[in-house]
Amino acid sequence: MIRAHESPIIGNWYADLDHTENTFEIVAEDEEAGNIEIQYFSGEIEELDMETWYGMHIAAIPPPKDWSGPFEIDKDEFLDQTDETIHPINWSGPFNNID
């Protein structure tokens, strides 16, 4: 368990070790106000002041492989999809007819 002694980095993911179900990404920082915005995997957004950030027990983690959390999509809707892309036989590209 570590305390957050490093500055938050936008785009990095962290786990809140005091609340193990909470993983979040830093999504914004307001340097003038001294606040950051985090987005939990579930999609909820919260604003933290820097004092709170530096008092948290966190660990840096890789981004989740399951990207569906904040989008309220059932796993069945995206895990077993087949590629149904239609590829035209004579695709010449949209710019081939421009003189």
N, C-alpha and C. Protein backbone atom coordinates (compact mmCIF):
# COMPACT_ATOMS: atom_id res chain seq x y z
N MET A 1 0.86 -1.18 0.00
CA MET A 1 0.00 0.00 0.00
C MET A 1 0.90 1.24 0.00
N ILE A 2 0.57 2.16 -0.87
CA ILE A 2 1.36 3.39 -0.96
C ILE A 2 0.43 4.59 -0.88
N ARG A 3 0.99 5.67 -0.45
CA ARG A 3 0.26 6.93 -0.52
C ARG A 3 0.62 7.59 -1.84
N ALA A 4 -0.28 8.38 -2.35
CA ALA A 4 -0.05 9.06 -3.62
C ALA A 4 0.95 10.19 -3.39
N HIS A 5 2.19 9.94 -3.73
CA HIS A 5 3.20 10.97 -3.57
C HIS A 5 3.58 11.57 -4.91
N GLU A 6 3.13 10.96 -5.97
CA GLU A 6 3.41 11.51 -7.28
C GLU A 6 2.21 12.30 -7.78
N SER A 7 2.48 13.18 -8.67
CA SER A 7 1.40 13.98 -9.24
C SER A 7 0.52 13.10 -10.11
N PRO A 8 -0.78 13.38 -10.12
CA PRO A 8 -1.68 12.59 -10.97
C PRO A 8 -1.38 12.87 -12.43
N ILE A 9 -1.49 11.85 -13.25
CA ILE A 9 -1.22 11.98 -14.68
C ILE A 9 -2.49 11.66 -15.44
N ILE A 10 -2.94 12.59 -16.25
CA ILE A 10 -4.16 12.38 -17.03
C ILE A 10 -3.97 11.17 -17.93
N GLY A 11 -4.96 10.28 -17.89
CA GLY A 11 -4.93 9.07 -18.70
C GLY A 11 -4.43 7.85 -17.95
N ASN A 12 -3.80 8.04 -16.80
CA ASN A 12 -3.33 6.90 -16.01
C ASN A 12 -4.45 6.33 -15.15
N TRP A 13 -4.40 5.02 -14.91
CA TRP A 13 -5.37 4.31 -14.09
C TRP A 13 -4.77 3.98 -12.74
N TYR A 14 -5.63 4.02 -11.71
CA TYR A 14 -5.21 3.74 -10.34
C TYR A 14 -6.26 2.90 -9.64
N ALA A 15 -5.82 2.18 -8.62
CA ALA A 15 -6.73 1.44 -7.76
C ALA A 15 -6.69 2.10 -6.39
N ASP A 16 -7.84 2.34 -5.82
CA ASP A 16 -7.96 2.88 -4.47
C ASP A 16 -7.87 1.69 -3.52
N LEU A 17 -6.76 1.55 -2.82
CA LEU A 17 -6.52 0.37 -2.00
C LEU A 17 -7.36 0.34 -0.73
N ASP A 18 -7.93 1.46 -0.34
CA ASP A 18 -8.85 1.48 0.80
C ASP A 18 -10.24 1.00 0.41
N HIS A 19 -10.56 1.11 -0.86
CA HIS A 19 -11.85 0.67 -1.40
C HIS A 19 -11.55 -0.15 -2.64
N THR A 20 -11.26 -1.43 -2.45
CA THR A 20 -10.69 -2.26 -3.50
C THR A 20 -11.52 -2.35 -4.77
N GLU A 21 -12.80 -2.09 -4.69
CA GLU A 21 -13.61 -2.15 -5.91
C GLU A 21 -13.48 -0.89 -6.75
N ASN A 22 -12.83 0.13 -6.25
CA ASN A 22 -12.72 1.40 -6.96
C ASN A 22 -11.44 1.48 -7.78
N THR A 23 -11.60 1.40 -9.09
CA THR A 23 -10.51 1.71 -10.01
C THR A 23 -10.95 2.94 -10.78
N PHE A 24 -10.00 3.78 -11.11
CA PHE A 24 -10.35 5.03 -11.76
C PHE A 24 -9.23 5.53 -12.64
N GLU A 25 -9.61 6.44 -13.53
CA GLU A 25 -8.68 7.09 -14.44
C GLU A 25 -8.69 8.58 -14.15
N ILE A 26 -7.53 9.21 -14.23
CA ILE A 26 -7.46 10.67 -14.12
C ILE A 26 -7.90 11.22 -15.48
N VAL A 27 -8.96 12.02 -15.50
CA VAL A 27 -9.49 12.52 -16.77
C VAL A 27 -9.28 14.01 -16.98
N ALA A 28 -9.00 14.77 -15.92
CA ALA A 28 -8.79 16.21 -16.08
C ALA A 28 -8.07 16.76 -14.85
N GLU A 29 -7.41 17.89 -15.06
CA GLU A 29 -6.73 18.56 -13.95
C GLU A 29 -6.92 20.07 -14.10
N ASP A 30 -7.26 20.72 -13.01
CA ASP A 30 -7.38 22.17 -12.97
C ASP A 30 -6.27 22.67 -12.05
N GLU A 31 -5.14 23.03 -12.65
CA GLU A 31 -3.98 23.43 -11.86
C GLU A 31 -4.24 24.70 -11.05
N GLU A 32 -5.02 25.63 -11.60
CA GLU A 32 -5.30 26.87 -10.90
C GLU A 32 -6.11 26.62 -9.63
N ALA A 33 -7.12 25.77 -9.73
CA ALA A 33 -7.97 25.46 -8.58
C ALA A 33 -7.36 24.38 -7.70
N GLY A 34 -6.37 23.66 -8.23
CA GLY A 34 -5.74 22.59 -7.45
C GLY A 34 -6.62 21.35 -7.34
N ASN A 35 -7.40 21.07 -8.38
CA ASN A 35 -8.31 19.92 -8.37
C ASN A 35 -8.00 19.00 -9.54
N ILE A 36 -8.40 17.75 -9.39
CA ILE A 36 -8.37 16.79 -10.49
C ILE A 36 -9.74 16.14 -10.59
N GLU A 37 -10.06 15.65 -11.76
CA GLU A 37 -11.28 14.88 -11.95
C GLU A 37 -10.88 13.45 -12.25
N ILE A 38 -11.55 12.52 -11.58
CA ILE A 38 -11.33 11.12 -11.82
C ILE A 38 -12.63 10.51 -12.32
N GLN A 39 -12.50 9.48 -13.15
CA GLN A 39 -13.67 8.74 -13.60
C GLN A 39 -13.49 7.29 -13.19
N TYR A 40 -14.43 6.83 -12.35
CA TYR A 40 -14.40 5.44 -11.92
C TYR A 40 -14.76 4.54 -13.09
N PHE A 41 -14.37 3.28 -13.01
CA PHE A 41 -14.67 2.32 -14.06
C PHE A 41 -16.17 2.27 -14.35
N SER A 42 -16.97 2.47 -13.31
CA SER A 42 -18.43 2.43 -13.48
C SER A 42 -18.97 3.63 -14.25
N GLY A 43 -18.14 4.66 -14.45
CA GLY A 43 -18.55 5.84 -15.20
C GLY A 43 -18.74 7.08 -14.36
N GLU A 44 -18.87 6.93 -13.06
CA GLU A 44 -19.07 8.07 -12.17
C GLU A 44 -17.84 8.96 -12.18
N ILE A 45 -18.06 10.27 -12.21
CA ILE A 45 -16.97 11.24 -12.19
C ILE A 45 -16.96 11.95 -10.85
N GLU A 46 -15.76 12.14 -10.31
CA GLU A 46 -15.61 12.81 -9.02
C GLU A 46 -14.46 13.80 -9.11
N GLU A 47 -14.61 14.90 -8.40
CA GLU A 47 -13.56 15.91 -8.33
C GLU A 47 -12.87 15.79 -6.98
N LEU A 48 -11.54 15.79 -7.01
CA LEU A 48 -10.75 15.70 -5.78
C LEU A 48 -9.82 16.89 -5.69
N ASP A 49 -9.61 17.38 -4.47
CA ASP A 49 -8.57 18.39 -4.30
C ASP A 49 -7.24 17.66 -4.12
N MET A 50 -6.16 18.37 -4.28
CA MET A 50 -4.84 17.74 -4.24
C MET A 50 -4.51 17.19 -2.85
N GLU A 51 -5.01 17.82 -1.81
CA GLU A 51 -4.78 17.31 -0.46
C GLU A 51 -5.38 15.91 -0.31
N THR A 52 -6.58 15.72 -0.84
CA THR A 52 -7.21 14.41 -0.80
C THR A 52 -6.41 13.40 -1.62
N TRP A 53 -5.97 13.82 -2.81
CA TRP A 53 -5.18 12.95 -3.68
C TRP A 53 -3.93 12.44 -2.96
N TYR A 54 -3.20 13.34 -2.35
CA TYR A 54 -1.95 12.94 -1.70
C TYR A 54 -2.18 12.13 -0.43
N GLY A 55 -3.38 12.13 0.11
CA GLY A 55 -3.69 11.32 1.29
C GLY A 55 -4.24 9.94 0.97
N MET A 56 -4.51 9.68 -0.32
CA MET A 56 -5.10 8.41 -0.71
C MET A 56 -4.06 7.29 -0.73
N HIS A 57 -4.51 6.08 -0.49
CA HIS A 57 -3.69 4.88 -0.63
C HIS A 57 -4.02 4.28 -1.99
N ILE A 58 -3.09 4.43 -2.94
CA ILE A 58 -3.37 4.01 -4.30
C ILE A 58 -2.25 3.15 -4.86
N ALA A 59 -2.54 2.51 -5.96
CA ALA A 59 -1.55 1.78 -6.73
C ALA A 59 -1.84 2.04 -8.20
N ALA A 60 -0.81 2.30 -8.96
CA ALA A 60 -0.97 2.46 -10.40
C ALA A 60 -1.29 1.09 -10.99
N ILE A 61 -2.24 1.05 -11.92
CA ILE A 61 -2.64 -0.20 -12.55
C ILE A 61 -2.73 0.01 -14.05
N PRO A 62 -2.67 -1.08 -14.83
CA PRO A 62 -2.88 -0.93 -16.27
C PRO A 62 -4.35 -0.65 -16.55
N PRO A 63 -4.65 -0.06 -17.70
CA PRO A 63 -6.06 0.18 -18.05
C PRO A 63 -6.82 -1.14 -18.10
N PRO A 64 -8.09 -1.12 -17.76
CA PRO A 64 -8.86 -2.36 -17.79
C PRO A 64 -9.03 -2.87 -19.23
N LYS A 65 -9.02 -4.18 -19.38
CA LYS A 65 -9.25 -4.77 -20.70
C LYS A 65 -10.72 -4.70 -21.07
N ASP A 66 -11.58 -4.72 -20.06
CA ASP A 66 -13.03 -4.63 -20.28
C ASP A 66 -13.40 -3.16 -20.29
N TRP A 67 -13.56 -2.58 -21.46
CA TRP A 67 -13.80 -1.16 -21.62
C TRP A 67 -15.26 -0.78 -21.42
N SER A 68 -16.13 -1.73 -21.14
CA SER A 68 -17.57 -1.47 -21.15
C SER A 68 -18.09 -0.77 -19.91
N GLY A 69 -17.34 -0.68 -18.84
CA GLY A 69 -17.82 -0.17 -17.56
C GLY A 69 -18.64 1.10 -17.62
N PRO A 70 -18.09 2.21 -18.10
CA PRO A 70 -18.84 3.45 -18.09
C PRO A 70 -19.93 3.55 -19.15
N PHE A 71 -20.01 2.56 -20.05
CA PHE A 71 -20.95 2.64 -21.15
C PHE A 71 -22.23 1.85 -20.93
N GLU A 72 -22.37 1.18 -19.80
CA GLU A 72 -23.56 0.41 -19.47
C GLU A 72 -23.94 -0.56 -20.59
N ILE A 73 -22.95 -1.31 -21.06
CA ILE A 73 -23.16 -2.31 -22.10
C ILE A 73 -23.01 -3.68 -21.46
N ASP A 74 -23.93 -4.58 -21.75
CA ASP A 74 -23.79 -5.95 -21.27
C ASP A 74 -22.64 -6.62 -22.00
N LYS A 75 -21.89 -7.45 -21.27
CA LYS A 75 -20.76 -8.14 -21.89
C LYS A 75 -21.21 -8.99 -23.07
N ASP A 76 -22.41 -9.53 -23.02
CA ASP A 76 -22.91 -10.36 -24.11
C ASP A 76 -23.04 -9.56 -25.41
N GLU A 77 -23.17 -8.25 -25.29
CA GLU A 77 -23.36 -7.42 -26.47
C GLU A 77 -22.07 -7.19 -27.25
N PHE A 78 -20.92 -7.39 -26.63
CA PHE A 78 -19.69 -7.12 -27.36
C PHE A 78 -18.68 -8.26 -27.34
N LEU A 79 -18.79 -9.22 -26.46
CA LEU A 79 -17.78 -10.27 -26.37
C LEU A 79 -17.87 -11.30 -27.48
N ASP A 80 -19.07 -11.66 -27.92
CA ASP A 80 -19.23 -12.72 -28.90
C ASP A 80 -19.66 -12.20 -30.26
N GLN A 81 -19.28 -10.99 -30.58
CA GLN A 81 -19.67 -10.43 -31.87
C GLN A 81 -18.82 -11.06 -32.97
N THR A 82 -19.44 -11.29 -34.10
CA THR A 82 -18.70 -11.74 -35.27
C THR A 82 -18.50 -10.55 -36.18
N ASP A 83 -17.49 -10.64 -36.99
CA ASP A 83 -17.21 -9.56 -37.93
C ASP A 83 -18.17 -9.66 -39.10
N GLU A 84 -19.14 -8.76 -39.14
CA GLU A 84 -20.12 -8.75 -40.21
C GLU A 84 -19.89 -7.57 -41.16
N THR A 85 -18.64 -7.16 -41.28
CA THR A 85 -18.30 -6.05 -42.14
C THR A 85 -18.50 -6.45 -43.59
N ILE A 86 -19.11 -5.59 -44.36
CA ILE A 86 -19.33 -5.86 -45.78
C ILE A 86 -18.21 -5.19 -46.55
N HIS A 87 -17.50 -5.98 -47.33
CA HIS A 87 -16.40 -5.46 -48.14
C HIS A 87 -16.81 -5.47 -49.60
N PRO A 88 -16.92 -4.31 -50.25
CA PRO A 88 -17.33 -4.28 -51.65
C PRO A 88 -16.31 -5.00 -52.54
N ILE A 89 -16.80 -5.61 -53.63
CA ILE A 89 -15.93 -6.34 -54.54
C ILE A 89 -15.03 -5.38 -55.31
N ASN A 90 -15.59 -4.29 -55.82
CA ASN A 90 -14.82 -3.34 -56.63
C ASN A 90 -14.63 -2.02 -55.90
N TRP A 91 -14.02 -2.06 -54.75
CA TRP A 91 -13.82 -0.83 -53.98
C TRP A 91 -12.67 -0.07 -54.60
N SER A 92 -12.97 1.09 -55.12
CA SER A 92 -11.92 1.87 -55.74
C SER A 92 -11.49 3.04 -54.85
N GLY A 93 -12.24 3.26 -53.79
CA GLY A 93 -11.91 4.35 -52.88
C GLY A 93 -12.63 5.62 -53.27
N PRO A 94 -12.97 6.46 -52.31
CA PRO A 94 -13.76 7.65 -52.60
C PRO A 94 -13.00 8.73 -53.37
N PHE A 95 -11.67 8.67 -53.36
CA PHE A 95 -10.89 9.75 -53.99
C PHE A 95 -10.38 9.37 -55.38
N ASN A 96 -10.64 8.17 -55.85
CA ASN A 96 -10.15 7.74 -57.14
C ASN A 96 -10.85 8.45 -58.30
N ASN A 97 -12.05 8.96 -58.09
CA ASN A 97 -12.79 9.63 -59.16
C ASN A 97 -12.59 11.13 -59.18
N ILE A 98 -11.71 11.65 -58.37
CA ILE A 98 -11.47 13.10 -58.34
C ILE A 98 -10.38 13.42 -59.34
N ASP A 99 -10.65 14.40 -60.20
CA ASP A 99 -9.67 14.82 -61.21
C ASP A 99 -8.83 15.94 -60.72
